[in-house]
Amino acid sequence: MPSASPGAVTSPHLPVRQDWLDRRREEIIEPELLIVDPHHHLVDRPETGRYLLPELLADTGSGHNITATVYHGMAVDVSPRRPH
């Protein structure tokens, strides 16, 4: 496996591939069932792509009855020099 070039940004996450996601749509089995999405991450990074409010709303508005979701903050911009 080739190593990353010096200064290249690496990520343990795969980039979002909308073309792959668009290949299949889930059947809505119980549209009346209330669903709380266990968690989501909002991200906008060159190495993984964009998943912000418009993308979240598109996913949660797909026909399932998602009534709430839990935002899970990623460890972004965390610096030991900055107070938390």
PDB file of N, CA and C in Angstrom:
ATOM      1  N   MET A   1       0.845  -1.173   0.000  1.00  0.00           N
ATOM      2  CA  MET A   1       0.000   0.000   0.000  1.00  0.00           C
ATOM      3  C   MET A   1       0.890   1.235   0.000  1.00  0.00           C
ATOM      4  N   PRO A   2       0.644   2.188  -0.896  1.00  0.00           N
ATOM      5  CA  PRO A   2       1.496   3.376  -0.947  1.00  0.00           C
ATOM      6  C   PRO A   2       1.289   4.239   0.288  1.00  0.00           C
ATOM      7  N   SER A   3       2.352   4.870   0.724  1.00  0.00           N
ATOM      8  CA  SER A   3       2.242   5.743   1.884  1.00  0.00           C
ATOM      9  C   SER A   3       1.777   7.123   1.435  1.00  0.00           C
ATOM     10  N   ALA A   4       1.170   7.844   2.377  1.00  0.00           N
ATOM     11  CA  ALA A   4       0.676   9.184   2.071  1.00  0.00           C
ATOM     12  C   ALA A   4       1.856  10.122   1.856  1.00  0.00           C
ATOM     13  N   SER A   5       1.669  11.066   0.965  1.00  0.00           N
ATOM     14  CA  SER A   5       2.731  12.035   0.731  1.00  0.00           C
ATOM     15  C   SER A   5       2.859  12.948   1.946  1.00  0.00           C
ATOM     16  N   PRO A   6       4.054  13.487   2.175  1.00  0.00           N
ATOM     17  CA  PRO A   6       4.246  14.370   3.333  1.00  0.00           C
ATOM     18  C   PRO A   6       3.260  15.534   3.297  1.00  0.00           C
ATOM     19  N   GLY A   7       2.635  15.803   4.426  1.00  0.00           N
ATOM     20  CA  GLY A   7       1.685  16.893   4.518  1.00  0.00           C
ATOM     21  C   GLY A   7       0.279  16.525   4.062  1.00  0.00           C
ATOM     22  N   ALA A   8       0.085  15.308   3.542  1.00  0.00           N
ATOM     23  CA  ALA A   8      -1.240  14.895   3.093  1.00  0.00           C
ATOM     24  C   ALA A   8      -2.135  14.631   4.293  1.00  0.00           C
ATOM     25  N   VAL A   9      -3.405  14.971   4.139  1.00  0.00           N
ATOM     26  CA  VAL A   9      -4.381  14.738   5.194  1.00  0.00           C
ATOM     27  C   VAL A   9      -4.895  13.321   5.051  1.00  0.00           C
ATOM     28  N   THR A  10      -4.873  12.580   6.145  1.00  0.00           N
ATOM     29  CA  THR A  10      -5.395  11.219   6.121  1.00  0.00           C
ATOM     30  C   THR A  10      -6.571  11.136   7.080  1.00  0.00           C
ATOM     31  N   SER A  11      -7.409  10.153   6.858  1.00  0.00           N
ATOM     32  CA  SER A  11      -8.590   9.981   7.688  1.00  0.00           C
ATOM     33  C   SER A  11      -8.910   8.499   7.804  1.00  0.00           C
ATOM     34  N   PRO A  12      -9.411   8.074   8.973  1.00  0.00           N
ATOM     35  CA  PRO A  12      -9.850   6.683   9.100  1.00  0.00           C
ATOM     36  C   PRO A  12     -11.220   6.465   8.458  1.00  0.00           C
ATOM     37  N   HIS A  13     -11.870   7.541   8.002  1.00  0.00           N
ATOM     38  CA  HIS A  13     -13.215   7.450   7.438  1.00  0.00           C
ATOM     39  C   HIS A  13     -13.163   7.482   5.921  1.00  0.00           C
ATOM     40  N   LEU A  14     -14.049   6.726   5.301  1.00  0.00           N
ATOM     41  CA  LEU A  14     -14.152   6.738   3.847  1.00  0.00           C
ATOM     42  C   LEU A  14     -14.933   7.965   3.403  1.00  0.00           C
ATOM     43  N   PRO A  15     -14.626   8.495   2.232  1.00  0.00           N
ATOM     44  CA  PRO A  15     -15.408   9.627   1.738  1.00  0.00           C
ATOM     45  C   PRO A  15     -16.829   9.186   1.390  1.00  0.00           C
ATOM     46  N   VAL A  16     -17.774  10.118   1.485  1.00  0.00           N
ATOM     47  CA  VAL A  16     -19.162   9.844   1.115  1.00  0.00           C
ATOM     48  C   VAL A  16     -19.233   9.724  -0.399  1.00  0.00           C
ATOM     49  N   ARG A  17     -19.870   8.650  -0.873  1.00  0.00           N
ATOM     50  CA  ARG A  17     -20.047   8.449  -2.316  1.00  0.00           C
ATOM     51  C   ARG A  17     -21.533   8.469  -2.630  1.00  0.00           C
ATOM     52  N   GLN A  18     -22.029   9.644  -2.994  1.00  0.00           N
ATOM     53  CA  GLN A  18     -23.458   9.794  -3.255  1.00  0.00           C
ATOM     54  C   GLN A  18     -23.914   8.871  -4.382  1.00  0.00           C
ATOM     55  N   ASP A  19     -23.075   8.646  -5.390  1.00  0.00           N
ATOM     56  CA  ASP A  19     -23.455   7.751  -6.488  1.00  0.00           C
ATOM     57  C   ASP A  19     -23.743   6.341  -5.975  1.00  0.00           C
ATOM     58  N   TRP A  20     -22.974   5.889  -4.996  1.00  0.00           N
ATOM     59  CA  TRP A  20     -23.188   4.561  -4.408  1.00  0.00           C
ATOM     60  C   TRP A  20     -24.459   4.562  -3.556  1.00  0.00           C
ATOM     61  N   LEU A  21     -24.664   5.614  -2.767  1.00  0.00           N
ATOM     62  CA  LEU A  21     -25.857   5.700  -1.929  1.00  0.00           C
ATOM     63  C   LEU A  21     -27.130   5.739  -2.768  1.00  0.00           C
ATOM     64  N   ASP A  22     -27.077   6.372  -3.926  1.00  0.00           N
ATOM     65  CA  ASP A  22     -28.247   6.507  -4.796  1.00  0.00           C
ATOM     66  C   ASP A  22     -28.633   5.203  -5.495  1.00  0.00           C
ATOM     67  N   ARG A  23     -27.828   4.179  -5.394  1.00  0.00           N
ATOM     68  CA  ARG A  23     -28.106   2.912  -6.083  1.00  0.00           C
ATOM     69  C   ARG A  23     -29.269   2.150  -5.477  1.00  0.00           C
ATOM     70  N   ARG A  24     -29.603   2.416  -4.218  1.00  0.00           N
ATOM     71  CA  ARG A  24     -30.659   1.644  -3.552  1.00  0.00           C
ATOM     72  C   ARG A  24     -31.451   2.544  -2.614  1.00  0.00           C
ATOM     73  N   ARG A  25     -32.736   2.325  -2.564  1.00  0.00           N
ATOM     74  CA  ARG A  25     -33.613   3.026  -1.625  1.00  0.00           C
ATOM     75  C   ARG A  25     -34.299   1.983  -0.749  1.00  0.00           C
ATOM     76  N   GLU A  26     -34.345   2.242   0.558  1.00  0.00           N
ATOM     77  CA  GLU A  26     -35.022   1.327   1.475  1.00  0.00           C
ATOM     78  C   GLU A  26     -36.528   1.443   1.333  1.00  0.00           C
ATOM     79  N   GLU A  27     -37.185   0.306   1.430  1.00  0.00           N
ATOM     80  CA  GLU A  27     -38.634   0.303   1.491  1.00  0.00           C
ATOM     81  C   GLU A  27     -39.041   0.800   2.880  1.00  0.00           C
ATOM     82  N   ILE A  28     -40.048   1.656   2.938  1.00  0.00           N
ATOM     83  CA  ILE A  28     -40.552   2.145   4.214  1.00  0.00           C
ATOM     84  C   ILE A  28     -41.578   1.126   4.696  1.00  0.00           C
ATOM     85  N   ILE A  29     -41.174   0.296   5.661  1.00  0.00           N
ATOM     86  CA  ILE A  29     -42.018  -0.813   6.116  1.00  0.00           C
ATOM     87  C   ILE A  29     -43.100  -0.344   7.082  1.00  0.00           C
ATOM     88  N   GLU A  30     -42.743   0.493   8.037  1.00  0.00           N
ATOM     89  CA  GLU A  30     -43.700   0.978   9.035  1.00  0.00           C
ATOM     90  C   GLU A  30     -43.634   2.512   9.100  1.00  0.00           C
ATOM     91  N   PRO A  31     -44.284   3.206   8.174  1.00  0.00           N
ATOM     92  CA  PRO A  31     -44.163   4.660   8.130  1.00  0.00           C
ATOM     93  C   PRO A  31     -44.693   5.361   9.384  1.00  0.00           C
ATOM     94  N   GLU A  32     -45.560   4.700  10.140  1.00  0.00           N
ATOM     95  CA  GLU A  32     -46.106   5.309  11.359  1.00  0.00           C
ATOM     96  C   GLU A  32     -45.194   5.120  12.577  1.00  0.00           C
ATOM     97  N   LEU A  33     -44.193   4.268  12.472  1.00  0.00           N
ATOM     98  CA  LEU A  33     -43.279   3.992  13.581  1.00  0.00           C
ATOM     99  C   LEU A  33     -42.393   5.205  13.855  1.00  0.00           C
ATOM    100  N   LEU A  34     -42.437   5.706  15.098  1.00  0.00           N
ATOM    101  CA  LEU A  34     -41.590   6.837  15.482  1.00  0.00           C
ATOM    102  C   LEU A  34     -40.155   6.348  15.654  1.00  0.00           C
ATOM    103  N   ILE A  35     -39.205   7.058  15.071  1.00  0.00           N
ATOM    104  CA  ILE A  35     -37.804   6.656  15.118  1.00  0.00           C
ATOM    105  C   ILE A  35     -36.963   7.793  15.680  1.00  0.00           C
ATOM    106  N   VAL A  36     -36.085   7.457  16.630  1.00  0.00           N
ATOM    107  CA  VAL A  36     -35.056   8.381  17.081  1.00  0.00           C
ATOM    108  C   VAL A  36     -33.742   7.847  16.536  1.00  0.00           C
ATOM    109  N   ASP A  37     -33.143   8.599  15.636  1.00  0.00           N
ATOM    110  CA  ASP A  37     -31.863   8.214  15.048  1.00  0.00           C
ATOM    111  C   ASP A  37     -30.826   8.230  16.168  1.00  0.00           C
ATOM    112  N   PRO A  38     -30.103   7.119  16.390  1.00  0.00           N
ATOM    113  CA  PRO A  38     -29.201   7.044  17.537  1.00  0.00           C
ATOM    114  C   PRO A  38     -28.122   8.113  17.575  1.00  0.00           C
ATOM    115  N   HIS A  39     -27.585   8.492  16.450  1.00  0.00           N
ATOM    116  CA  HIS A  39     -26.617   9.597  16.429  1.00  0.00           C
ATOM    117  C   HIS A  39     -26.228   9.923  15.003  1.00  0.00           C
ATOM    118  N   HIS A  40     -25.733  11.115  14.840  1.00  0.00           N
ATOM    119  CA  HIS A  40     -25.182  11.526  13.545  1.00  0.00           C
ATOM    120  C   HIS A  40     -23.990  12.440  13.788  1.00  0.00           C
ATOM    121  N   HIS A  41     -23.189  12.576  12.788  1.00  0.00           N
ATOM    122  CA  HIS A  41     -22.031  13.472  12.820  1.00  0.00           C
ATOM    123  C   HIS A  41     -22.197  14.480  11.693  1.00  0.00           C
ATOM    124  N   LEU A  42     -21.900  15.734  11.964  1.00  0.00           N
ATOM    125  CA  LEU A  42     -21.845  16.738  10.911  1.00  0.00           C
ATOM    126  C   LEU A  42     -20.379  16.972  10.599  1.00  0.00           C
ATOM    127  N   VAL A  43     -20.053  16.945   9.321  1.00  0.00           N
ATOM    128  CA  VAL A  43     -18.649  17.056   8.939  1.00  0.00           C
ATOM    129  C   VAL A  43     -18.535  17.740   7.580  1.00  0.00           C
ATOM    130  N   ASP A  44     -17.489  18.491   7.412  1.00  0.00           N
ATOM    131  CA  ASP A  44     -17.176  19.099   6.116  1.00  0.00           C
ATOM    132  C   ASP A  44     -15.655  19.140   6.020  1.00  0.00           C
ATOM    133  N   ARG A  45     -15.099  18.060   5.494  1.00  0.00           N
ATOM    134  CA  ARG A  45     -13.645  17.916   5.405  1.00  0.00           C
ATOM    135  C   ARG A  45     -13.256  17.460   4.004  1.00  0.00           C
ATOM    136  N   PRO A  46     -12.132  17.927   3.516  1.00  0.00           N
ATOM    137  CA  PRO A  46     -11.694  17.502   2.180  1.00  0.00           C
ATOM    138  C   PRO A  46     -11.493  15.999   2.075  1.00  0.00           C
ATOM    139  N   GLU A  47     -11.022  15.362   3.134  1.00  0.00           N
ATOM    140  CA  GLU A  47     -10.711  13.931   3.050  1.00  0.00           C
ATOM    141  C   GLU A  47     -11.925  13.018   3.186  1.00  0.00           C
ATOM    142  N   THR A  48     -13.053  13.524   3.708  1.00  0.00           N
ATOM    143  CA  THR A  48     -14.226  12.673   3.876  1.00  0.00           C
ATOM    144  C   THR A  48     -15.457  13.194   3.168  1.00  0.00           C
ATOM    145  N   GLY A  49     -15.454  14.459   2.809  1.00  0.00           N
ATOM    146  CA  GLY A  49     -16.613  15.029   2.147  1.00  0.00           C
ATOM    147  C   GLY A  49     -17.482  15.813   3.113  1.00  0.00           C
ATOM    148  N   ARG A  50     -18.640  16.150   2.621  1.00  0.00           N
ATOM    149  CA  ARG A  50     -19.553  17.026   3.352  1.00  0.00           C
ATOM    150  C   ARG A  50     -20.780  16.256   3.803  1.00  0.00           C
ATOM    151  N   TYR A  51     -21.145  16.421   5.055  1.00  0.00           N
ATOM    152  CA  TYR A  51     -22.418  15.921   5.588  1.00  0.00           C
ATOM    153  C   TYR A  51     -22.853  16.925   6.643  1.00  0.00           C
ATOM    154  N   LEU A  52     -23.658  17.904   6.195  1.00  0.00           N
ATOM    155  CA  LEU A  52     -24.131  18.964   7.074  1.00  0.00           C
ATOM    156  C   LEU A  52     -25.655  18.929   7.101  1.00  0.00           C
ATOM    157  N   LEU A  53     -26.276  19.971   7.598  1.00  0.00           N
ATOM    158  CA  LEU A  53     -27.726  19.974   7.782  1.00  0.00           C
ATOM    159  C   LEU A  53     -28.503  19.626   6.506  1.00  0.00           C
ATOM    160  N   PRO A  54     -28.167  20.165   5.325  1.00  0.00           N
ATOM    161  CA  PRO A  54     -28.941  19.784   4.136  1.00  0.00           C
ATOM    162  C   PRO A  54     -28.897  18.273   3.852  1.00  0.00           C
ATOM    163  N   GLU A  55     -27.736  17.653   4.036  1.00  0.00           N
ATOM    164  CA  GLU A  55     -27.611  16.211   3.805  1.00  0.00           C
ATOM    165  C   GLU A  55     -28.374  15.422   4.870  1.00  0.00           C
ATOM    166  N   LEU A  56     -28.295  15.873   6.119  1.00  0.00           N
ATOM    167  CA  LEU A  56     -29.039  15.220   7.205  1.00  0.00           C
ATOM    168  C   LEU A  56     -30.537  15.304   6.952  1.00  0.00           C
ATOM    169  N   LEU A  57     -31.017  16.478   6.561  1.00  0.00           N
ATOM    170  CA  LEU A  57     -32.449  16.632   6.289  1.00  0.00           C
ATOM    171  C   LEU A  57     -32.891  15.768   5.113  1.00  0.00           C
ATOM    172  N   ALA A  58     -32.052  15.629   4.103  1.00  0.00           N
ATOM    173  CA  ALA A  58     -32.390  14.758   2.971  1.00  0.00           C
ATOM    174  C   ALA A  58     -32.505  13.303   3.433  1.00  0.00           C
ATOM    175  N   ASP A  59     -31.589  12.878   4.295  1.00  0.00           N
ATOM    176  CA  ASP A  59     -31.639  11.504   4.804  1.00  0.00           C
ATOM    177  C   ASP A  59     -32.833  11.273   5.719  1.00  0.00           C
ATOM    178  N   THR A  60     -33.080  12.209   6.624  1.00  0.00           N
ATOM    179  CA  THR A  60     -34.167  12.005   7.588  1.00  0.00           C
ATOM    180  C   THR A  60     -35.533  12.278   6.977  1.00  0.00           C
ATOM    181  N   GLY A  61     -35.586  12.898   5.819  1.00  0.00           N
ATOM    182  CA  GLY A  61     -36.849  13.153   5.148  1.00  0.00           C
ATOM    183  C   GLY A  61     -37.149  12.157   4.053  1.00  0.00           C
ATOM    184  N   SER A  62     -36.552  10.981   4.127  1.00  0.00           N
ATOM    185  CA  SER A  62     -36.679   9.986   3.048  1.00  0.00           C
ATOM    186  C   SER A  62     -37.933   9.130   3.138  1.00  0.00           C
ATOM    187  N   GLY A  63     -38.786   9.364   4.143  1.00  0.00           N
ATOM    188  CA  GLY A  63     -40.008   8.573   4.272  1.00  0.00           C
ATOM    189  C   GLY A  63     -40.142   7.874   5.610  1.00  0.00           C
ATOM    190  N   HIS A  64     -39.026   7.615   6.279  1.00  0.00           N
ATOM    191  CA  HIS A  64     -39.093   7.070   7.628  1.00  0.00           C
ATOM    192  C   HIS A  64     -39.574   8.179   8.552  1.00  0.00           C
ATOM    193  N   ASN A  65     -40.227   7.828   9.638  1.00  0.00           N
ATOM    194  CA  ASN A  65     -40.796   8.813  10.560  1.00  0.00           C
ATOM    195  C   ASN A  65     -39.782   9.156  11.646  1.00  0.00           C
ATOM    196  N   ILE A  66     -38.712   9.816  11.257  1.00  0.00           N
ATOM    197  CA  ILE A  66     -37.652  10.183  12.204  1.00  0.00           C
ATOM    198  C   ILE A  66     -38.082  11.449  12.922  1.00  0.00           C
ATOM    199  N   THR A  67     -38.273  11.323  14.239  1.00  0.00           N
ATOM    200  CA  THR A  67     -38.778  12.440  15.029  1.00  0.00           C
ATOM    201  C   THR A  67     -37.674  13.183  15.764  1.00  0.00           C
ATOM    202  N   ALA A  68     -36.519  12.545  15.933  1.00  0.00           N
ATOM    203  CA  ALA A  68     -35.399  13.178  16.626  1.00  0.00           C
ATOM    204  C   ALA A  68     -34.115  12.479  16.234  1.00  0.00           C
ATOM    205  N   THR A  69     -33.012  13.156  16.459  1.00  0.00           N
ATOM    206  CA  THR A  69     -31.699  12.570  16.240  1.00  0.00           C
ATOM    207  C   THR A  69     -30.753  13.153  17.281  1.00  0.00           C
ATOM    208  N   VAL A  70     -29.711  12.441  17.574  1.00  0.00           N
ATOM    209  CA  VAL A  70     -28.743  12.864  18.576  1.00  0.00           C
ATOM    210  C   VAL A  70     -27.461  13.248  17.855  1.00  0.00           C
ATOM    211  N   TYR A  71     -27.019  14.480  18.062  1.00  0.00           N
ATOM    212  CA  TYR A  71     -25.772  14.935  17.451  1.00  0.00           C
ATOM    213  C   TYR A  71     -24.606  14.476  18.315  1.00  0.00           C
ATOM    214  N   HIS A  72     -23.628  13.880  17.675  1.00  0.00           N
ATOM    215  CA  HIS A  72     -22.422  13.441  18.373  1.00  0.00           C
ATOM    216  C   HIS A  72     -21.265  14.245  17.828  1.00  0.00           C
ATOM    217  N   GLY A  73     -20.711  15.143  18.642  1.00  0.00           N
ATOM    218  CA  GLY A  73     -19.600  15.969  18.191  1.00  0.00           C
ATOM    219  C   GLY A  73     -18.334  15.159  18.032  1.00  0.00           C
ATOM    220  N   MET A  74     -17.651  15.400  16.942  1.00  0.00           N
ATOM    221  CA  MET A  74     -16.382  14.721  16.705  1.00  0.00           C
ATOM    222  C   MET A  74     -15.266  15.526  17.348  1.00  0.00           C
ATOM    223  N   ALA A  75     -14.174  14.889  17.638  1.00  0.00           N
ATOM    224  CA  ALA A  75     -13.026  15.561  18.250  1.00  0.00           C
ATOM    225  C   ALA A  75     -12.308  16.390  17.195  1.00  0.00           C
ATOM    226  N   VAL A  76     -12.929  17.484  16.841  1.00  0.00           N
ATOM    227  CA  VAL A  76     -12.393  18.380  15.821  1.00  0.00           C
ATOM    228  C   VAL A  76     -11.941  19.661  16.500  1.00  0.00           C
ATOM    229  N   ASP A  77     -10.821  20.153  16.094  1.00  0.00           N
ATOM    230  CA  ASP A  77     -10.278  21.394  16.640  1.00  0.00           C
ATOM    231  C   ASP A  77     -10.050  21.309  18.145  1.00  0.00           C
ATOM    232  N   VAL A  78      -9.761  20.134  18.617  1.00  0.00           N
ATOM    233  CA  VAL A  78      -9.451  19.980  20.040  1.00  0.00           C
ATOM    234  C   VAL A  78      -7.958  20.204  20.209  1.00  0.00           C
ATOM    235  N   SER A  79      -7.619  21.132  21.052  1.00  0.00           N
ATOM    236  CA  SER A  79      -6.221  21.459  21.262  1.00  0.00           C
ATOM    237  C   SER A  79      -5.909  21.410  22.750  1.00  0.00           C
ATOM    238  N   PRO A  80      -4.820  20.763  23.138  1.00  0.00           N
ATOM    239  CA  PRO A  80      -4.498  20.715  24.566  1.00  0.00           C
ATOM    240  C   PRO A  80      -4.158  22.100  25.109  1.00  0.00           C
ATOM    241  N   ARG A  81      -3.872  23.045  24.231  1.00  0.00           N
ATOM    242  CA  ARG A  81      -3.531  24.403  24.675  1.00  0.00           C
ATOM    243  C   ARG A  81      -4.776  25.250  24.920  1.00  0.00           C
ATOM    244  N   ARG A  82      -5.919  24.783  24.446  1.00  0.00           N
ATOM    245  CA  ARG A  82      -7.144  25.552  24.578  1.00  0.00           C
ATOM    246  C   ARG A  82      -7.957  25.027  25.745  1.00  0.00           C
ATOM    247  N   PRO A  83      -8.507  25.906  26.603  1.00  0.00           N
ATOM    248  CA  PRO A  83      -9.348  25.416  27.708  1.00  0.00           C
ATOM    249  C   PRO A  83     -10.631  24.791  27.171  1.00  0.00           C
ATOM    250  N   HIS A  84     -11.103  23.759  27.853  1.00  0.00           N
ATOM    251  CA  HIS A  84     -12.338  23.068  27.443  1.00  0.00           C
ATOM    252  C   HIS A  84     -13.447  23.390  28.399  1.00  0.00           C
TER     253      HIS A  84
END
